Amino acid sequence: MRPIAGWLAARHPLWGGTAGGADEPGLGLLRAEMQRLGWNRAALRRASKGDERKGRLAVRIRQETTLSLKWIAEHLAMGSWTHVSNLLVWNGIAKV
Protein backbone atom coordinates (compact mmCIF):
# COMPACT_ATOMS: atom_id res chain seq x y z
CA MET A 1 0.00 0.00 0.00
CA ARG A 2 1.13 3.50 -0.78
CA PRO A 3 1.36 6.03 2.02
CA ILE A 4 -1.62 8.39 2.16
CA ALA A 5 0.36 11.48 1.22
CA GLY A 6 1.82 9.65 -1.77
CA TRP A 7 -1.61 8.53 -2.92
CA LEU A 8 -3.00 12.05 -2.65
CA ALA A 9 0.00 13.59 -4.42
CA ALA A 10 -0.19 10.98 -7.19
CA ARG A 11 -3.90 11.53 -7.65
CA HIS A 12 -3.64 15.31 -7.50
CA PRO A 13 -0.36 16.49 -9.02
CA LEU A 14 -1.12 20.12 -8.16
CA TRP A 15 -1.21 19.19 -4.48
CA GLY A 16 2.09 18.91 -2.73
CA GLY A 17 4.37 20.73 -0.34
CA THR A 18 5.09 23.68 -2.61
CA ALA A 19 2.91 23.39 -5.71
CA GLY A 20 -0.39 24.20 -4.01
CA GLY A 21 -3.74 24.11 -5.72
CA ALA A 22 -7.35 25.13 -5.26
CA ASP A 23 -8.24 21.91 -3.44
CA GLU A 24 -5.19 21.87 -1.14
CA PRO A 25 -7.10 22.78 2.07
CA GLY A 26 -9.55 19.94 1.51
CA LEU A 27 -6.80 17.47 0.73
CA GLY A 28 -4.97 18.51 3.88
CA LEU A 29 -8.09 17.92 5.98
CA LEU A 30 -8.71 14.61 4.23
CA ARG A 31 -5.14 13.43 4.73
CA ALA A 32 -5.07 14.43 8.40
CA GLU A 33 -8.40 12.72 9.14
CA MET A 34 -7.39 9.54 7.30
CA GLN A 35 -4.19 9.39 9.33
CA ARG A 36 -6.10 10.03 12.57
CA LEU A 37 -8.50 7.19 11.76
CA GLY A 38 -5.71 4.90 10.61
CA TRP A 39 -7.37 4.62 7.21
CA ASN A 40 -5.76 4.07 3.86
CA ARG A 41 -7.35 4.48 0.44
CA ALA A 42 -8.96 1.04 0.57
CA ALA A 43 -10.45 1.67 4.01
CA LEU A 44 -11.91 4.97 2.82
CA ARG A 45 -13.57 3.20 -0.12
CA ARG A 46 -14.80 0.31 2.07
CA ALA A 47 -16.54 2.56 4.57
CA SER A 48 -20.16 3.13 3.58
CA LYS A 49 -21.06 6.40 1.90
CA GLY A 50 -23.15 7.29 4.94
CA ASP A 51 -20.40 6.46 7.46
CA GLU A 52 -20.62 8.89 10.37
CA ARG A 53 -16.89 9.67 10.20
CA LYS A 54 -17.18 10.56 6.52
CA GLY A 55 -20.18 12.72 7.32
CA ARG A 56 -18.32 14.65 10.00
CA LEU A 57 -15.41 15.18 7.61
CA ALA A 58 -17.74 16.32 4.81
CA VAL A 59 -19.31 18.87 7.17
CA ARG A 60 -15.88 20.09 8.26
CA ILE A 61 -14.57 20.41 4.69
CA ARG A 62 -17.69 22.31 3.64
CA GLN A 63 -17.46 24.69 6.61
CA GLU A 64 -13.72 25.33 6.33
CA THR A 65 -13.27 25.48 2.54
CA THR A 66 -15.08 26.56 -0.60
CA LEU A 67 -14.79 23.15 -2.26
CA SER A 68 -17.79 21.87 -4.16
CA LEU A 69 -20.15 19.14 -3.05
CA LYS A 70 -19.00 17.17 -6.08
CA TRP A 71 -15.38 17.38 -4.88
CA ILE A 72 -16.37 16.20 -1.41
CA ALA A 73 -18.47 13.31 -2.75
CA GLU A 74 -15.67 12.20 -5.06
CA HIS A 75 -12.80 12.40 -2.59
CA LEU A 76 -14.69 10.87 0.33
CA ALA A 77 -16.26 8.13 -1.83
CA MET A 78 -19.74 9.23 -0.74
CA GLY A 79 -21.66 8.59 -3.95
CA SER A 80 -23.32 11.54 -5.64
CA TRP A 81 -23.00 15.18 -4.66
CA THR A 82 -26.72 15.20 -3.89
CA HIS A 83 -26.13 12.68 -1.10
CA VAL A 84 -23.58 15.07 0.43
CA SER A 85 -26.05 17.94 0.01
CA ASN A 86 -28.76 16.01 1.85
CA LEU A 87 -26.29 15.11 4.60
CA LEU A 88 -25.46 18.78 5.10
CA VAL A 89 -29.14 19.72 5.26
CA TRP A 90 -29.85 16.94 7.78
CA ASN A 91 -26.98 18.21 9.93
CA GLY A 92 -28.26 21.79 9.81
CA ILE A 93 -25.24 23.05 7.85
CA ALA A 94 -27.08 23.98 4.66
CA LYS A 95 -30.43 25.63 4.23
CA VAL A 96 -33.14 24.15 2.02
C-alpha atoms as a PDB file:
ATOM      1  CA  MET A   1       0.000   0.000   0.000  1.00  0.00           C
ATOM      2  CA  ARG A   2       1.131   3.505  -0.785  1.00  0.00           C
ATOM      3  CA  PRO A   3       1.357   6.033   2.023  1.00  0.00           C
ATOM      4  CA  ILE A   4      -1.622   8.388   2.164  1.00  0.00           C
ATOM      5  CA  ALA A   5       0.360  11.484   1.219  1.00  0.00           C
ATOM      6  CA  GLY A   6       1.820   9.649  -1.775  1.00  0.00           C
ATOM      7  CA  TRP A   7      -1.609   8.529  -2.922  1.00  0.00           C
ATOM      8  CA  LEU A   8      -2.999  12.054  -2.649  1.00  0.00           C
ATOM      9  CA  ALA A   9      -0.004  13.588  -4.419  1.00  0.00           C
ATOM     10  CA  ALA A  10      -0.190  10.982  -7.191  1.00  0.00           C
ATOM     11  CA  ARG A  11      -3.901  11.526  -7.650  1.00  0.00           C
ATOM     12  CA  HIS A  12      -3.639  15.309  -7.496  1.00  0.00           C
ATOM     13  CA  PRO A  13      -0.365  16.490  -9.018  1.00  0.00           C
ATOM     14  CA  LEU A  14      -1.120  20.118  -8.155  1.00  0.00           C
ATOM     15  CA  TRP A  15      -1.210  19.189  -4.475  1.00  0.00           C
ATOM     16  CA  GLY A  16       2.086  18.914  -2.727  1.00  0.00           C
ATOM     17  CA  GLY A  17       4.365  20.732  -0.339  1.00  0.00           C
ATOM     18  CA  THR A  18       5.094  23.676  -2.614  1.00  0.00           C
ATOM     19  CA  ALA A  19       2.905  23.390  -5.711  1.00  0.00           C
ATOM     20  CA  GLY A  20      -0.389  24.198  -4.007  1.00  0.00           C
ATOM     21  CA  GLY A  21      -3.742  24.110  -5.719  1.00  0.00           C
ATOM     22  CA  ALA A  22      -7.351  25.128  -5.259  1.00  0.00           C
ATOM     23  CA  ASP A  23      -8.237  21.914  -3.444  1.00  0.00           C
ATOM     24  CA  GLU A  24      -5.192  21.868  -1.140  1.00  0.00           C
ATOM     25  CA  PRO A  25      -7.097  22.780   2.066  1.00  0.00           C
ATOM     26  CA  GLY A  26      -9.553  19.936   1.507  1.00  0.00           C
ATOM     27  CA  LEU A  27      -6.797  17.469   0.734  1.00  0.00           C
ATOM     28  CA  GLY A  28      -4.966  18.510   3.881  1.00  0.00           C
ATOM     29  CA  LEU A  29      -8.088  17.917   5.982  1.00  0.00           C
ATOM     30  CA  LEU A  30      -8.710  14.612   4.228  1.00  0.00           C
ATOM     31  CA  ARG A  31      -5.137  13.430   4.732  1.00  0.00           C
ATOM     32  CA  ALA A  32      -5.070  14.430   8.402  1.00  0.00           C
ATOM     33  CA  GLU A  33      -8.397  12.721   9.139  1.00  0.00           C
ATOM     34  CA  MET A  34      -7.390   9.545   7.300  1.00  0.00           C
ATOM     35  CA  GLN A  35      -4.193   9.393   9.332  1.00  0.00           C
ATOM     36  CA  ARG A  36      -6.096  10.025  12.572  1.00  0.00           C
ATOM     37  CA  LEU A  37      -8.503   7.194  11.757  1.00  0.00           C
ATOM     38  CA  GLY A  38      -5.712   4.897  10.611  1.00  0.00           C
ATOM     39  CA  TRP A  39      -7.373   4.621   7.206  1.00  0.00           C
ATOM     40  CA  ASN A  40      -5.759   4.069   3.858  1.00  0.00           C
ATOM     41  CA  ARG A  41      -7.349   4.484   0.435  1.00  0.00           C
ATOM     42  CA  ALA A  42      -8.960   1.039   0.570  1.00  0.00           C
ATOM     43  CA  ALA A  43     -10.447   1.670   4.014  1.00  0.00           C
ATOM     44  CA  LEU A  44     -11.913   4.968   2.816  1.00  0.00           C
ATOM     45  CA  ARG A  45     -13.573   3.203  -0.119  1.00  0.00           C
ATOM     46  CA  ARG A  46     -14.805   0.309   2.073  1.00  0.00           C
ATOM     47  CA  ALA A  47     -16.538   2.563   4.570  1.00  0.00           C
ATOM     48  CA  SER A  48     -20.161   3.134   3.579  1.00  0.00           C
ATOM     49  CA  LYS A  49     -21.064   6.402   1.896  1.00  0.00           C
ATOM     50  CA  GLY A  50     -23.152   7.290   4.942  1.00  0.00           C
ATOM     51  CA  ASP A  51     -20.402   6.464   7.458  1.00  0.00           C
ATOM     52  CA  GLU A  52     -20.619   8.893  10.370  1.00  0.00           C
ATOM     53  CA  ARG A  53     -16.890   9.666  10.201  1.00  0.00           C
ATOM     54  CA  LYS A  54     -17.181  10.555   6.518  1.00  0.00           C
ATOM     55  CA  GLY A  55     -20.185  12.718   7.320  1.00  0.00           C
ATOM     56  CA  ARG A  56     -18.319  14.648   9.995  1.00  0.00           C
ATOM     57  CA  LEU A  57     -15.414  15.176   7.613  1.00  0.00           C
ATOM     58  CA  ALA A  58     -17.743  16.324   4.814  1.00  0.00           C
ATOM     59  CA  VAL A  59     -19.309  18.872   7.167  1.00  0.00           C
ATOM     60  CA  ARG A  60     -15.878  20.094   8.265  1.00  0.00           C
ATOM     61  CA  ILE A  61     -14.573  20.410   4.694  1.00  0.00           C
ATOM     62  CA  ARG A  62     -17.689  22.313   3.638  1.00  0.00           C
ATOM     63  CA  GLN A  63     -17.459  24.685   6.611  1.00  0.00           C
ATOM     64  CA  GLU A  64     -13.718  25.335   6.325  1.00  0.00           C
ATOM     65  CA  THR A  65     -13.267  25.481   2.536  1.00  0.00           C
ATOM     66  CA  THR A  66     -15.079  26.561  -0.603  1.00  0.00           C
ATOM     67  CA  LEU A  67     -14.795  23.149  -2.256  1.00  0.00           C
ATOM     68  CA  SER A  68     -17.790  21.870  -4.165  1.00  0.00           C
ATOM     69  CA  LEU A  69     -20.152  19.138  -3.048  1.00  0.00           C
ATOM     70  CA  LYS A  70     -19.002  17.170  -6.082  1.00  0.00           C
ATOM     71  CA  TRP A  71     -15.381  17.378  -4.883  1.00  0.00           C
ATOM     72  CA  ILE A  72     -16.371  16.202  -1.405  1.00  0.00           C
ATOM     73  CA  ALA A  73     -18.473  13.314  -2.748  1.00  0.00           C
ATOM     74  CA  GLU A  74     -15.669  12.199  -5.059  1.00  0.00           C
ATOM     75  CA  HIS A  75     -12.804  12.401  -2.590  1.00  0.00           C
ATOM     76  CA  LEU A  76     -14.689  10.868   0.327  1.00  0.00           C
ATOM     77  CA  ALA A  77     -16.263   8.135  -1.832  1.00  0.00           C
ATOM     78  CA  MET A  78     -19.739   9.230  -0.742  1.00  0.00           C
ATOM     79  CA  GLY A  79     -21.661   8.592  -3.945  1.00  0.00           C
ATOM     80  CA  SER A  80     -23.317  11.542  -5.639  1.00  0.00           C
ATOM     81  CA  TRP A  81     -23.002  15.179  -4.661  1.00  0.00           C
ATOM     82  CA  THR A  82     -26.721  15.202  -3.885  1.00  0.00           C
ATOM     83  CA  HIS A  83     -26.127  12.682  -1.100  1.00  0.00           C
ATOM     84  CA  VAL A  84     -23.582  15.067   0.426  1.00  0.00           C
ATOM     85  CA  SER A  85     -26.049  17.938   0.011  1.00  0.00           C
ATOM     86  CA  ASN A  86     -28.757  16.006   1.855  1.00  0.00           C
ATOM     87  CA  LEU A  87     -26.292  15.105   4.599  1.00  0.00           C
ATOM     88  CA  LEU A  88     -25.458  18.775   5.099  1.00  0.00           C
ATOM     89  CA  VAL A  89     -29.142  19.722   5.262  1.00  0.00           C
ATOM     90  CA  TRP A  90     -29.846  16.938   7.778  1.00  0.00           C
ATOM     91  CA  ASN A  91     -26.982  18.212   9.927  1.00  0.00           C
ATOM     92  CA  GLY A  92     -28.257  21.795   9.811  1.00  0.00           C
ATOM     93  CA  ILE A  93     -25.236  23.045   7.849  1.00  0.00           C
ATOM     94  CA  ALA A  94     -27.078  23.978   4.656  1.00  0.00           C
ATOM     95  CA  LYS A  95     -30.432  25.629   4.233  1.00  0.00           C
ATOM     96  CA  VAL A  96     -33.139  24.145   2.021  1.00  0.00           C
END
